[in-house]
Amino acid sequence: MPGIGIKVDIRGARAVANLMRRVRGLVDDNRQELHLRWGIRTLNWVTRNFAAEGALTGAPWAKLSPNTIAGRRKGSSRVLQDTGGLKNSFTLNATSTEVSVGTEKQIALYHEKGTKPYEILPKKPGGFLAFAHAGGTPLRKGTYLPSAERTFAKGTPFVFSKGVHHPGLPVRRTLPKREEILPDILRTTVNYLNELKTRK
C-alpha cells in the first residue's frame, strides 16, 4: 500500500494476553469476523477524527490558510475535507490472520507525517505556475486549467508565478496510534466472545 495504514499488535497485560489466547483459539471464520469488526471500529475512529478535524489525536489539525481555501474545488475551510475524497478513500482488509486499515492515496502520507519546506516549479522550463490565490487578480471569465483538470469560475483570484516556496505541510494525523484504538479493540473483542457464547 503506497499510502498509509495501521496494523495493531495486541500484547501486554496478563488479562489482555489471556483474552488474545482465546481469540487465537477461534476457528478461522470467527477470527476473520472479529478482525472485520476491529477494522470497522478503526474506520469509525478515522471518520470521527475527520469530523473533529484531528481532535481525537490530541493535536487538532492546523487551520487552512486563506490561499489554500481560495484554491479548493468547493471552497470549504474544513481541513482535509473539501471534496471528501481523502476521507472516503480509507478502506479495510480483514482475513483470519490480520486486519489492516488505510488508504492508497499518497497525499495521506504527507499529511500523516508532515513535510519539510519545498519548491514548486513549472513542469516546462521557462513556464509559469497558475493557481488560485487570495491575493490574486480576479479572472474575467471562467477558465479551464489542464494542469489542475478543472475549471475556475469567473472572479476567482488568480496569480501566475515562475515558482513557489511552500512552507511545508504540518502533521495532520488521520490514523489512531496503538494506545488510542486499543480500548475500542478490546471492548469489541470481549463483546464478540460473549456473543459467540450465545450462539451455541
N, C-alpha and C. Protein backbone atom coordinates (compact mmCIF):
# COMPACT_ATOMS: atom_id res chain seq x y z
N MET A 1 0.85 -1.19 0.00
CA MET A 1 0.00 0.00 0.00
C MET A 1 0.89 1.24 0.00
N PRO A 2 0.90 2.05 -1.07
CA PRO A 2 1.78 3.20 -1.14
C PRO A 2 1.37 4.36 -0.26
N GLY A 3 0.15 4.37 0.26
CA GLY A 3 -0.31 5.45 1.12
C GLY A 3 0.08 5.19 2.57
N ILE A 4 -0.91 5.11 3.45
CA ILE A 4 -0.66 4.85 4.86
C ILE A 4 -1.64 3.82 5.37
N GLY A 5 -1.28 3.14 6.46
CA GLY A 5 -2.17 2.15 7.04
C GLY A 5 -1.78 1.88 8.47
N ILE A 6 -2.58 1.06 9.14
CA ILE A 6 -2.33 0.72 10.54
C ILE A 6 -2.62 -0.76 10.74
N LYS A 7 -1.75 -1.41 11.52
CA LYS A 7 -1.99 -2.75 12.00
C LYS A 7 -1.72 -2.71 13.49
N VAL A 8 -2.57 -3.33 14.28
CA VAL A 8 -2.42 -3.30 15.73
C VAL A 8 -2.02 -4.68 16.23
N ASP A 9 -0.88 -4.75 16.91
CA ASP A 9 -0.40 -5.98 17.52
C ASP A 9 -0.68 -5.88 19.01
N ILE A 10 -1.57 -6.72 19.52
CA ILE A 10 -2.02 -6.59 20.91
C ILE A 10 -1.21 -7.50 21.82
N ARG A 11 -0.44 -6.89 22.72
CA ARG A 11 0.34 -7.61 23.71
C ARG A 11 0.28 -6.84 25.02
N GLY A 12 0.83 -7.42 26.08
CA GLY A 12 0.92 -6.62 27.31
C GLY A 12 0.40 -7.33 28.53
N ALA A 13 -0.55 -6.69 29.20
CA ALA A 13 -1.03 -7.17 30.49
C ALA A 13 -1.57 -8.59 30.40
N ARG A 14 -1.54 -9.29 31.55
CA ARG A 14 -1.95 -10.70 31.58
C ARG A 14 -3.39 -10.88 31.11
N ALA A 15 -4.28 -9.99 31.54
CA ALA A 15 -5.68 -10.10 31.13
C ALA A 15 -5.80 -10.00 29.61
N VAL A 16 -5.03 -9.08 29.03
CA VAL A 16 -5.06 -8.93 27.57
C VAL A 16 -4.49 -10.18 26.90
N ALA A 17 -3.41 -10.69 27.45
CA ALA A 17 -2.78 -11.89 26.89
C ALA A 17 -3.75 -13.07 26.92
N ASN A 18 -4.46 -13.23 28.05
CA ASN A 18 -5.44 -14.32 28.16
C ASN A 18 -6.57 -14.14 27.14
N LEU A 19 -7.00 -12.89 26.98
CA LEU A 19 -8.05 -12.59 26.01
C LEU A 19 -7.60 -12.98 24.61
N MET A 20 -6.37 -12.64 24.26
CA MET A 20 -5.88 -12.92 22.91
C MET A 20 -5.64 -14.41 22.70
N ARG A 21 -5.33 -15.16 23.76
CA ARG A 21 -5.23 -16.62 23.62
C ARG A 21 -6.59 -17.20 23.25
N ARG A 22 -7.65 -16.65 23.84
CA ARG A 22 -9.00 -17.09 23.48
C ARG A 22 -9.30 -16.77 22.01
N VAL A 23 -8.84 -15.61 21.56
CA VAL A 23 -9.06 -15.23 20.16
C VAL A 23 -8.32 -16.19 19.23
N ARG A 24 -7.07 -16.52 19.58
CA ARG A 24 -6.30 -17.44 18.73
C ARG A 24 -6.94 -18.82 18.67
N GLY A 25 -7.73 -19.14 19.69
CA GLY A 25 -8.39 -20.44 19.71
C GLY A 25 -9.65 -20.50 18.84
N LEU A 26 -10.06 -19.37 18.30
CA LEU A 26 -11.24 -19.36 17.44
C LEU A 26 -10.94 -20.02 16.10
N VAL A 27 -11.97 -20.55 15.46
CA VAL A 27 -11.80 -21.07 14.10
C VAL A 27 -11.59 -19.90 13.16
N ASP A 28 -11.05 -20.18 11.96
CA ASP A 28 -10.68 -19.12 11.02
C ASP A 28 -11.83 -18.17 10.71
N ASP A 29 -13.04 -18.73 10.48
CA ASP A 29 -14.18 -17.88 10.12
C ASP A 29 -14.50 -16.89 11.23
N ASN A 30 -14.41 -17.36 12.49
CA ASN A 30 -14.69 -16.46 13.62
C ASN A 30 -13.61 -15.40 13.76
N ARG A 31 -12.35 -15.80 13.54
CA ARG A 31 -11.27 -14.81 13.63
C ARG A 31 -11.42 -13.74 12.56
N GLN A 32 -11.80 -14.17 11.34
CA GLN A 32 -11.98 -13.17 10.27
C GLN A 32 -13.14 -12.23 10.59
N GLU A 33 -14.20 -12.78 11.17
CA GLU A 33 -15.34 -11.93 11.55
C GLU A 33 -14.93 -10.94 12.63
N LEU A 34 -14.14 -11.38 13.60
CA LEU A 34 -13.67 -10.49 14.65
C LEU A 34 -12.75 -9.41 14.07
N HIS A 35 -11.84 -9.83 13.19
CA HIS A 35 -10.92 -8.86 12.57
C HIS A 35 -11.69 -7.82 11.75
N LEU A 36 -12.76 -8.27 11.11
CA LEU A 36 -13.61 -7.33 10.37
C LEU A 36 -14.20 -6.29 11.32
N ARG A 37 -14.64 -6.73 12.49
CA ARG A 37 -15.20 -5.79 13.46
C ARG A 37 -14.13 -4.83 13.97
N TRP A 38 -12.90 -5.33 14.14
CA TRP A 38 -11.81 -4.44 14.53
C TRP A 38 -11.61 -3.37 13.46
N GLY A 39 -11.64 -3.80 12.20
CA GLY A 39 -11.45 -2.85 11.10
C GLY A 39 -12.55 -1.80 11.05
N ILE A 40 -13.79 -2.25 11.26
CA ILE A 40 -14.92 -1.31 11.25
C ILE A 40 -14.77 -0.29 12.39
N ARG A 41 -14.36 -0.78 13.57
CA ARG A 41 -14.13 0.12 14.71
C ARG A 41 -13.08 1.18 14.35
N THR A 42 -12.02 0.73 13.69
CA THR A 42 -10.93 1.64 13.35
C THR A 42 -11.38 2.64 12.29
N LEU A 43 -12.13 2.17 11.30
CA LEU A 43 -12.66 3.09 10.29
C LEU A 43 -13.59 4.12 10.92
N ASN A 44 -14.38 3.69 11.90
CA ASN A 44 -15.26 4.63 12.62
C ASN A 44 -14.43 5.69 13.34
N TRP A 45 -13.29 5.26 13.91
CA TRP A 45 -12.40 6.21 14.59
C TRP A 45 -11.88 7.24 13.58
N VAL A 46 -11.47 6.76 12.41
CA VAL A 46 -10.96 7.66 11.36
C VAL A 46 -12.03 8.66 10.95
N THR A 47 -13.27 8.18 10.76
CA THR A 47 -14.37 9.05 10.36
C THR A 47 -14.64 10.12 11.43
N ARG A 48 -14.64 9.69 12.70
CA ARG A 48 -14.87 10.65 13.79
C ARG A 48 -13.72 11.65 13.89
N ASN A 49 -12.51 11.19 13.60
CA ASN A 49 -11.36 12.08 13.65
C ASN A 49 -11.42 13.14 12.55
N PHE A 50 -11.89 12.75 11.36
CA PHE A 50 -12.09 13.74 10.29
C PHE A 50 -13.16 14.75 10.72
N ALA A 51 -14.26 14.26 11.29
CA ALA A 51 -15.34 15.16 11.72
C ALA A 51 -14.85 16.15 12.77
N ALA A 52 -13.93 15.69 13.64
CA ALA A 52 -13.39 16.54 14.70
C ALA A 52 -12.14 17.29 14.25
N GLU A 53 -11.80 17.18 12.96
CA GLU A 53 -10.62 17.84 12.39
C GLU A 53 -9.36 17.56 13.22
N GLY A 54 -9.16 16.28 13.50
CA GLY A 54 -7.93 15.85 14.16
C GLY A 54 -7.95 15.86 15.66
N ALA A 55 -9.04 16.28 16.29
CA ALA A 55 -9.07 16.44 17.74
C ALA A 55 -8.88 15.11 18.48
N LEU A 56 -9.25 13.97 17.86
CA LEU A 56 -9.10 12.68 18.54
C LEU A 56 -7.64 12.32 18.76
N THR A 57 -6.74 12.95 18.03
CA THR A 57 -5.30 12.66 18.18
C THR A 57 -4.69 13.46 19.32
N GLY A 58 -5.44 14.40 19.88
CA GLY A 58 -4.90 15.26 20.93
C GLY A 58 -4.20 16.49 20.38
N ALA A 59 -4.07 16.55 19.06
CA ALA A 59 -3.43 17.71 18.41
C ALA A 59 -4.27 18.09 17.20
N PRO A 60 -5.33 18.91 17.40
CA PRO A 60 -6.21 19.27 16.27
C PRO A 60 -5.40 19.80 15.08
N TRP A 61 -5.90 19.48 13.90
CA TRP A 61 -5.19 19.86 12.68
C TRP A 61 -5.07 21.37 12.55
N ALA A 62 -3.92 21.82 12.04
CA ALA A 62 -3.71 23.24 11.80
C ALA A 62 -4.75 23.75 10.80
N LYS A 63 -5.28 24.95 11.07
CA LYS A 63 -6.28 25.55 10.18
C LYS A 63 -5.67 25.88 8.82
N LEU A 64 -6.52 26.00 7.82
CA LEU A 64 -6.07 26.30 6.47
C LEU A 64 -5.82 27.79 6.29
N SER A 65 -4.86 28.10 5.44
CA SER A 65 -4.59 29.50 5.12
C SER A 65 -5.63 29.99 4.11
N PRO A 66 -5.87 31.29 4.04
CA PRO A 66 -6.81 31.83 3.04
C PRO A 66 -6.42 31.43 1.62
N ASN A 67 -5.12 31.32 1.33
CA ASN A 67 -4.68 30.93 -0.01
C ASN A 67 -5.07 29.49 -0.34
N THR A 68 -4.96 28.62 0.65
CA THR A 68 -5.36 27.23 0.43
C THR A 68 -6.86 27.14 0.17
N ILE A 69 -7.65 27.87 0.97
CA ILE A 69 -9.10 27.85 0.79
C ILE A 69 -9.48 28.39 -0.59
N ALA A 70 -8.77 29.44 -1.05
CA ALA A 70 -9.08 30.04 -2.36
C ALA A 70 -8.88 29.05 -3.50
N GLY A 71 -7.96 28.10 -3.33
CA GLY A 71 -7.68 27.16 -4.40
C GLY A 71 -8.46 25.86 -4.33
N ARG A 72 -9.34 25.70 -3.35
CA ARG A 72 -10.06 24.45 -3.19
C ARG A 72 -11.22 24.34 -4.18
N ARG A 73 -11.52 23.11 -4.54
CA ARG A 73 -12.59 22.87 -5.54
C ARG A 73 -13.93 23.39 -5.06
N LYS A 74 -14.27 23.17 -3.80
CA LYS A 74 -15.57 23.59 -3.29
C LYS A 74 -15.48 24.76 -2.32
N GLY A 75 -14.27 25.26 -2.11
CA GLY A 75 -14.10 26.43 -1.26
C GLY A 75 -14.32 26.19 0.21
N SER A 76 -14.30 24.94 0.64
CA SER A 76 -14.55 24.63 2.04
C SER A 76 -13.33 24.99 2.89
N SER A 77 -13.59 25.40 4.14
CA SER A 77 -12.49 25.67 5.06
C SER A 77 -12.26 24.49 6.00
N ARG A 78 -13.00 23.39 5.80
CA ARG A 78 -12.83 22.19 6.61
C ARG A 78 -11.50 21.54 6.25
N VAL A 79 -10.66 21.28 7.23
CA VAL A 79 -9.32 20.77 6.99
C VAL A 79 -9.39 19.35 6.42
N LEU A 80 -8.67 19.13 5.31
CA LEU A 80 -8.61 17.83 4.60
C LEU A 80 -9.97 17.34 4.12
N GLN A 81 -10.95 18.24 3.97
CA GLN A 81 -12.31 17.80 3.65
C GLN A 81 -13.01 18.71 2.66
N ASP A 82 -12.36 19.00 1.55
CA ASP A 82 -13.02 19.83 0.54
C ASP A 82 -14.00 18.99 -0.27
N THR A 83 -13.51 17.94 -0.90
CA THR A 83 -14.38 17.09 -1.72
C THR A 83 -14.78 15.79 -1.01
N GLY A 84 -14.09 15.46 0.08
CA GLY A 84 -14.37 14.20 0.78
C GLY A 84 -13.58 13.03 0.22
N GLY A 85 -12.76 13.28 -0.82
CA GLY A 85 -12.03 12.19 -1.47
C GLY A 85 -11.06 11.48 -0.55
N LEU A 86 -10.32 12.22 0.28
CA LEU A 86 -9.36 11.58 1.17
C LEU A 86 -10.06 10.77 2.25
N LYS A 87 -11.02 11.39 2.91
CA LYS A 87 -11.75 10.69 3.98
C LYS A 87 -12.39 9.40 3.48
N ASN A 88 -12.98 9.46 2.30
CA ASN A 88 -13.69 8.30 1.77
C ASN A 88 -12.77 7.25 1.15
N SER A 89 -11.47 7.55 1.08
CA SER A 89 -10.54 6.60 0.47
C SER A 89 -10.05 5.54 1.45
N PHE A 90 -10.33 5.73 2.75
CA PHE A 90 -9.87 4.76 3.74
C PHE A 90 -10.71 3.48 3.65
N THR A 91 -10.04 2.34 3.60
CA THR A 91 -10.71 1.05 3.49
C THR A 91 -10.09 0.08 4.48
N LEU A 92 -10.70 -1.08 4.61
CA LEU A 92 -10.15 -2.12 5.47
C LEU A 92 -10.03 -3.43 4.71
N ASN A 93 -9.12 -4.25 5.16
CA ASN A 93 -8.96 -5.60 4.60
C ASN A 93 -8.79 -6.56 5.77
N ALA A 94 -9.72 -7.50 5.92
CA ALA A 94 -9.70 -8.42 7.05
C ALA A 94 -9.57 -9.86 6.56
N THR A 95 -8.66 -10.60 7.18
CA THR A 95 -8.51 -12.02 6.93
C THR A 95 -8.53 -12.74 8.28
N SER A 96 -8.31 -14.03 8.27
CA SER A 96 -8.30 -14.78 9.53
C SER A 96 -7.02 -14.54 10.32
N THR A 97 -6.02 -13.92 9.70
CA THR A 97 -4.75 -13.70 10.39
C THR A 97 -4.49 -12.25 10.76
N GLU A 98 -5.12 -11.28 10.06
CA GLU A 98 -4.86 -9.88 10.36
C GLU A 98 -5.94 -8.99 9.77
N VAL A 99 -5.90 -7.73 10.18
CA VAL A 99 -6.77 -6.71 9.58
C VAL A 99 -5.92 -5.46 9.39
N SER A 100 -6.11 -4.80 8.26
CA SER A 100 -5.39 -3.55 8.01
C SER A 100 -6.39 -2.49 7.59
N VAL A 101 -6.12 -1.27 8.00
CA VAL A 101 -6.95 -0.12 7.65
C VAL A 101 -6.04 0.97 7.12
N GLY A 102 -6.40 1.55 5.99
CA GLY A 102 -5.57 2.61 5.43
C GLY A 102 -6.10 3.13 4.11
N THR A 103 -5.27 3.89 3.43
CA THR A 103 -5.62 4.46 2.14
C THR A 103 -4.43 4.35 1.20
N GLU A 104 -4.70 4.23 -0.08
CA GLU A 104 -3.63 4.18 -1.06
C GLU A 104 -3.27 5.56 -1.58
N LYS A 105 -3.95 6.59 -1.13
CA LYS A 105 -3.64 7.95 -1.58
C LYS A 105 -2.30 8.39 -0.99
N GLN A 106 -1.34 8.69 -1.87
CA GLN A 106 -0.01 9.08 -1.44
C GLN A 106 -0.03 10.36 -0.60
N ILE A 107 -0.94 11.28 -0.92
CA ILE A 107 -1.00 12.55 -0.20
C ILE A 107 -1.28 12.33 1.29
N ALA A 108 -1.95 11.21 1.62
CA ALA A 108 -2.25 10.94 3.02
C ALA A 108 -0.98 10.79 3.85
N LEU A 109 0.04 10.20 3.25
CA LEU A 109 1.31 10.01 3.96
C LEU A 109 1.95 11.36 4.28
N TYR A 110 1.87 12.32 3.35
CA TYR A 110 2.45 13.64 3.58
C TYR A 110 1.74 14.36 4.71
N HIS A 111 0.42 14.20 4.80
CA HIS A 111 -0.32 14.82 5.89
C HIS A 111 -0.05 14.11 7.22
N GLU A 112 0.05 12.78 7.17
CA GLU A 112 0.25 12.00 8.39
C GLU A 112 1.60 12.33 9.06
N LYS A 113 2.63 12.49 8.24
CA LYS A 113 3.98 12.72 8.76
C LYS A 113 4.41 14.18 8.70
N GLY A 114 3.72 14.99 7.88
CA GLY A 114 4.18 16.35 7.66
C GLY A 114 5.33 16.36 6.66
N THR A 115 5.67 17.51 6.15
CA THR A 115 6.77 17.61 5.19
C THR A 115 7.66 18.81 5.54
N LYS A 116 8.87 18.78 5.01
CA LYS A 116 9.76 19.93 5.10
C LYS A 116 9.33 20.94 4.04
N PRO A 117 9.81 22.17 4.13
CA PRO A 117 9.52 23.15 3.06
C PRO A 117 10.01 22.62 1.71
N TYR A 118 9.33 22.99 0.65
CA TYR A 118 9.73 22.54 -0.68
C TYR A 118 9.36 23.57 -1.73
N GLU A 119 10.00 23.44 -2.90
CA GLU A 119 9.77 24.35 -4.01
C GLU A 119 8.81 23.71 -5.01
N ILE A 120 7.91 24.51 -5.56
CA ILE A 120 7.01 24.06 -6.62
C ILE A 120 7.39 24.84 -7.87
N LEU A 121 7.80 24.12 -8.90
CA LEU A 121 8.28 24.76 -10.14
C LEU A 121 7.45 24.29 -11.32
N PRO A 122 7.39 25.08 -12.39
CA PRO A 122 6.66 24.65 -13.59
C PRO A 122 7.27 23.38 -14.18
N LYS A 123 6.44 22.55 -14.80
CA LYS A 123 6.94 21.32 -15.41
C LYS A 123 7.82 21.60 -16.62
N LYS A 124 7.48 22.66 -17.35
CA LYS A 124 8.25 23.01 -18.54
C LYS A 124 9.23 24.14 -18.22
N PRO A 125 10.49 24.04 -18.66
CA PRO A 125 11.45 25.12 -18.43
C PRO A 125 10.94 26.43 -19.03
N GLY A 126 11.05 27.51 -18.27
CA GLY A 126 10.59 28.80 -18.75
C GLY A 126 9.09 29.00 -18.62
N GLY A 127 8.39 28.00 -18.10
CA GLY A 127 6.94 28.10 -17.96
C GLY A 127 6.53 28.84 -16.70
N PHE A 128 5.23 28.89 -16.48
CA PHE A 128 4.68 29.57 -15.32
C PHE A 128 3.72 28.65 -14.57
N LEU A 129 3.61 28.90 -13.30
CA LEU A 129 2.57 28.27 -12.49
C LEU A 129 1.36 29.19 -12.50
N ALA A 130 0.18 28.62 -12.56
CA ALA A 130 -1.06 29.40 -12.49
C ALA A 130 -1.93 28.75 -11.43
N PHE A 131 -2.37 29.54 -10.46
CA PHE A 131 -3.14 28.96 -9.36
C PHE A 131 -3.98 30.02 -8.67
N ALA A 132 -5.07 29.54 -8.05
CA ALA A 132 -5.93 30.44 -7.28
C ALA A 132 -5.18 30.88 -6.03
N HIS A 133 -5.33 32.16 -5.69
CA HIS A 133 -4.60 32.74 -4.56
C HIS A 133 -5.42 33.90 -4.02
N ALA A 134 -5.54 33.98 -2.70
CA ALA A 134 -6.39 35.01 -2.09
C ALA A 134 -6.00 36.43 -2.52
N GLY A 135 -4.72 36.65 -2.81
CA GLY A 135 -4.28 37.99 -3.19
C GLY A 135 -4.15 38.19 -4.69
N GLY A 136 -4.71 37.27 -5.48
CA GLY A 136 -4.57 37.34 -6.93
C GLY A 136 -5.56 38.28 -7.60
N THR A 137 -5.47 38.33 -8.92
CA THR A 137 -6.37 39.15 -9.74
C THR A 137 -7.57 38.31 -10.16
N PRO A 138 -8.79 38.80 -9.96
CA PRO A 138 -9.98 38.02 -10.32
C PRO A 138 -10.01 37.69 -11.81
N LEU A 139 -10.35 36.45 -12.13
CA LEU A 139 -10.47 36.05 -13.53
C LEU A 139 -11.63 36.79 -14.19
N ARG A 140 -11.44 37.20 -15.44
CA ARG A 140 -12.50 37.92 -16.16
C ARG A 140 -13.56 36.97 -16.69
N LYS A 141 -13.19 35.70 -16.82
CA LYS A 141 -14.15 34.70 -17.29
C LYS A 141 -13.75 33.33 -16.74
N GLY A 142 -14.66 32.39 -16.77
CA GLY A 142 -14.35 31.04 -16.34
C GLY A 142 -13.22 30.48 -17.18
N THR A 143 -12.27 29.81 -16.54
CA THR A 143 -11.08 29.32 -17.23
C THR A 143 -10.79 27.88 -16.87
N TYR A 144 -10.59 27.04 -17.91
CA TYR A 144 -10.20 25.65 -17.68
C TYR A 144 -8.69 25.57 -17.62
N LEU A 145 -8.17 24.96 -16.57
CA LEU A 145 -6.73 24.82 -16.40
C LEU A 145 -6.38 23.33 -16.51
N PRO A 146 -5.74 22.92 -17.63
CA PRO A 146 -5.44 21.49 -17.84
C PRO A 146 -4.60 20.87 -16.73
N SER A 147 -3.64 21.63 -16.18
CA SER A 147 -2.77 21.06 -15.15
C SER A 147 -3.54 20.71 -13.88
N ALA A 148 -4.62 21.43 -13.62
CA ALA A 148 -5.44 21.16 -12.44
C ALA A 148 -6.65 20.29 -12.79
N GLU A 149 -6.88 20.09 -14.10
CA GLU A 149 -8.02 19.31 -14.58
C GLU A 149 -9.33 19.82 -14.01
N ARG A 150 -9.49 21.14 -14.02
CA ARG A 150 -10.73 21.73 -13.52
C ARG A 150 -10.91 23.13 -14.09
N THR A 151 -12.15 23.59 -14.02
CA THR A 151 -12.48 24.94 -14.48
C THR A 151 -12.63 25.86 -13.28
N PHE A 152 -12.02 27.03 -13.36
CA PHE A 152 -12.13 28.03 -12.30
C PHE A 152 -13.16 29.07 -12.71
N ALA A 153 -14.04 29.41 -11.80
CA ALA A 153 -15.15 30.32 -12.10
C ALA A 153 -14.67 31.75 -12.30
N LYS A 154 -15.45 32.50 -13.03
CA LYS A 154 -15.20 33.93 -13.19
C LYS A 154 -15.12 34.58 -11.81
N GLY A 155 -14.14 35.45 -11.63
CA GLY A 155 -13.98 36.14 -10.35
C GLY A 155 -13.02 35.46 -9.39
N THR A 156 -12.60 34.21 -9.70
CA THR A 156 -11.64 33.52 -8.84
C THR A 156 -10.32 34.29 -8.83
N PRO A 157 -9.78 34.65 -7.67
CA PRO A 157 -8.50 35.37 -7.64
C PRO A 157 -7.36 34.44 -8.08
N PHE A 158 -6.57 34.90 -9.07
CA PHE A 158 -5.55 34.05 -9.69
C PHE A 158 -4.22 34.77 -9.77
N VAL A 159 -3.14 33.99 -9.68
CA VAL A 159 -1.80 34.54 -9.86
C VAL A 159 -1.00 33.64 -10.80
N PHE A 160 0.03 34.22 -11.40
CA PHE A 160 0.97 33.48 -12.24
C PHE A 160 2.35 33.68 -11.65
N SER A 161 3.14 32.62 -11.59
CA SER A 161 4.44 32.71 -10.95
C SER A 161 5.42 31.73 -11.60
N LYS A 162 6.70 32.07 -11.54
CA LYS A 162 7.74 31.17 -12.06
C LYS A 162 8.13 30.10 -11.04
N GLY A 163 7.62 30.22 -9.84
CA GLY A 163 7.92 29.24 -8.80
C GLY A 163 7.33 29.66 -7.47
N VAL A 164 7.13 28.69 -6.60
CA VAL A 164 6.54 28.96 -5.28
C VAL A 164 7.35 28.22 -4.22
N HIS A 165 7.64 28.91 -3.13
CA HIS A 165 8.27 28.27 -1.97
C HIS A 165 7.16 27.87 -1.00
N HIS A 166 6.92 26.57 -0.87
CA HIS A 166 5.88 26.08 0.04
C HIS A 166 6.49 25.87 1.42
N PRO A 167 5.86 26.37 2.48
CA PRO A 167 6.44 26.24 3.83
C PRO A 167 6.43 24.81 4.38
N GLY A 168 5.80 23.89 3.66
CA GLY A 168 5.71 22.51 4.14
C GLY A 168 4.37 22.24 4.79
N LEU A 169 3.96 20.98 4.77
CA LEU A 169 2.68 20.59 5.37
C LEU A 169 2.88 20.26 6.85
N PRO A 170 1.99 20.77 7.71
CA PRO A 170 2.08 20.38 9.12
C PRO A 170 1.58 18.95 9.30
N VAL A 171 1.94 18.33 10.40
CA VAL A 171 1.43 16.99 10.71
C VAL A 171 -0.06 17.08 10.97
N ARG A 172 -0.83 16.30 10.21
CA ARG A 172 -2.28 16.19 10.45
C ARG A 172 -2.60 14.71 10.45
N ARG A 173 -2.52 14.09 11.62
CA ARG A 173 -2.65 12.65 11.72
C ARG A 173 -4.09 12.21 11.53
N THR A 174 -4.30 11.22 10.66
CA THR A 174 -5.64 10.71 10.38
C THR A 174 -5.89 9.35 11.02
N LEU A 175 -4.83 8.60 11.31
CA LEU A 175 -4.96 7.26 11.85
C LEU A 175 -4.66 7.24 13.35
N PRO A 176 -5.28 6.31 14.08
CA PRO A 176 -5.02 6.23 15.52
C PRO A 176 -3.69 5.54 15.82
N LYS A 177 -3.08 5.93 16.92
CA LYS A 177 -1.94 5.18 17.43
C LYS A 177 -2.48 3.97 18.19
N ARG A 178 -1.59 3.03 18.48
CA ARG A 178 -1.99 1.80 19.16
C ARG A 178 -2.78 2.08 20.43
N GLU A 179 -2.27 3.00 21.27
CA GLU A 179 -2.93 3.25 22.55
C GLU A 179 -4.27 3.97 22.39
N GLU A 180 -4.49 4.60 21.25
CA GLU A 180 -5.75 5.32 21.02
C GLU A 180 -6.86 4.37 20.56
N ILE A 181 -6.51 3.33 19.83
CA ILE A 181 -7.53 2.41 19.30
C ILE A 181 -7.67 1.15 20.16
N LEU A 182 -6.65 0.85 20.98
CA LEU A 182 -6.67 -0.40 21.75
C LEU A 182 -7.90 -0.57 22.64
N PRO A 183 -8.35 0.46 23.38
CA PRO A 183 -9.56 0.26 24.19
C PRO A 183 -10.77 -0.17 23.36
N ASP A 184 -10.95 0.43 22.18
CA ASP A 184 -12.05 0.03 21.30
C ASP A 184 -11.89 -1.42 20.84
N ILE A 185 -10.67 -1.79 20.50
CA ILE A 185 -10.41 -3.16 20.03
C ILE A 185 -10.71 -4.17 21.13
N LEU A 186 -10.29 -3.87 22.34
CA LEU A 186 -10.52 -4.81 23.45
C LEU A 186 -12.00 -4.93 23.78
N ARG A 187 -12.72 -3.80 23.79
CA ARG A 187 -14.17 -3.86 24.04
C ARG A 187 -14.87 -4.69 22.96
N THR A 188 -14.48 -4.46 21.72
CA THR A 188 -15.07 -5.21 20.61
C THR A 188 -14.80 -6.70 20.76
N THR A 189 -13.59 -7.04 21.20
CA THR A 189 -13.21 -8.45 21.37
C THR A 189 -14.03 -9.12 22.46
N VAL A 190 -14.15 -8.46 23.61
CA VAL A 190 -14.93 -9.02 24.71
C VAL A 190 -16.39 -9.20 24.30
N ASN A 191 -16.95 -8.20 23.64
CA ASN A 191 -18.35 -8.29 23.20
C ASN A 191 -18.54 -9.43 22.21
N TYR A 192 -17.56 -9.60 21.32
CA TYR A 192 -17.68 -10.67 20.31
C TYR A 192 -17.59 -12.05 20.96
N LEU A 193 -16.64 -12.23 21.88
CA LEU A 193 -16.51 -13.53 22.54
C LEU A 193 -17.77 -13.86 23.35
N ASN A 194 -18.36 -12.86 23.99
CA ASN A 194 -19.61 -13.09 24.71
C ASN A 194 -20.75 -13.43 23.76
N GLU A 195 -20.74 -12.79 22.59
CA GLU A 195 -21.76 -13.08 21.57
C GLU A 195 -21.65 -14.52 21.09
N LEU A 196 -20.42 -15.00 20.92
CA LEU A 196 -20.23 -16.38 20.46
C LEU A 196 -20.81 -17.38 21.44
N LYS A 197 -20.76 -17.06 22.75
CA LYS A 197 -21.34 -17.98 23.74
C LYS A 197 -22.83 -18.14 23.55
N THR A 198 -23.50 -17.05 23.15
CA THR A 198 -24.96 -17.11 22.98
C THR A 198 -25.36 -17.82 21.69
N ARG A 199 -24.42 -17.98 20.77
CA ARG A 199 -24.72 -18.67 19.51
C ARG A 199 -24.77 -20.18 19.68
N LYS A 200 -24.11 -20.66 20.74
CA LYS A 200 -24.01 -22.11 20.91
C LYS A 200 -25.34 -22.70 21.37
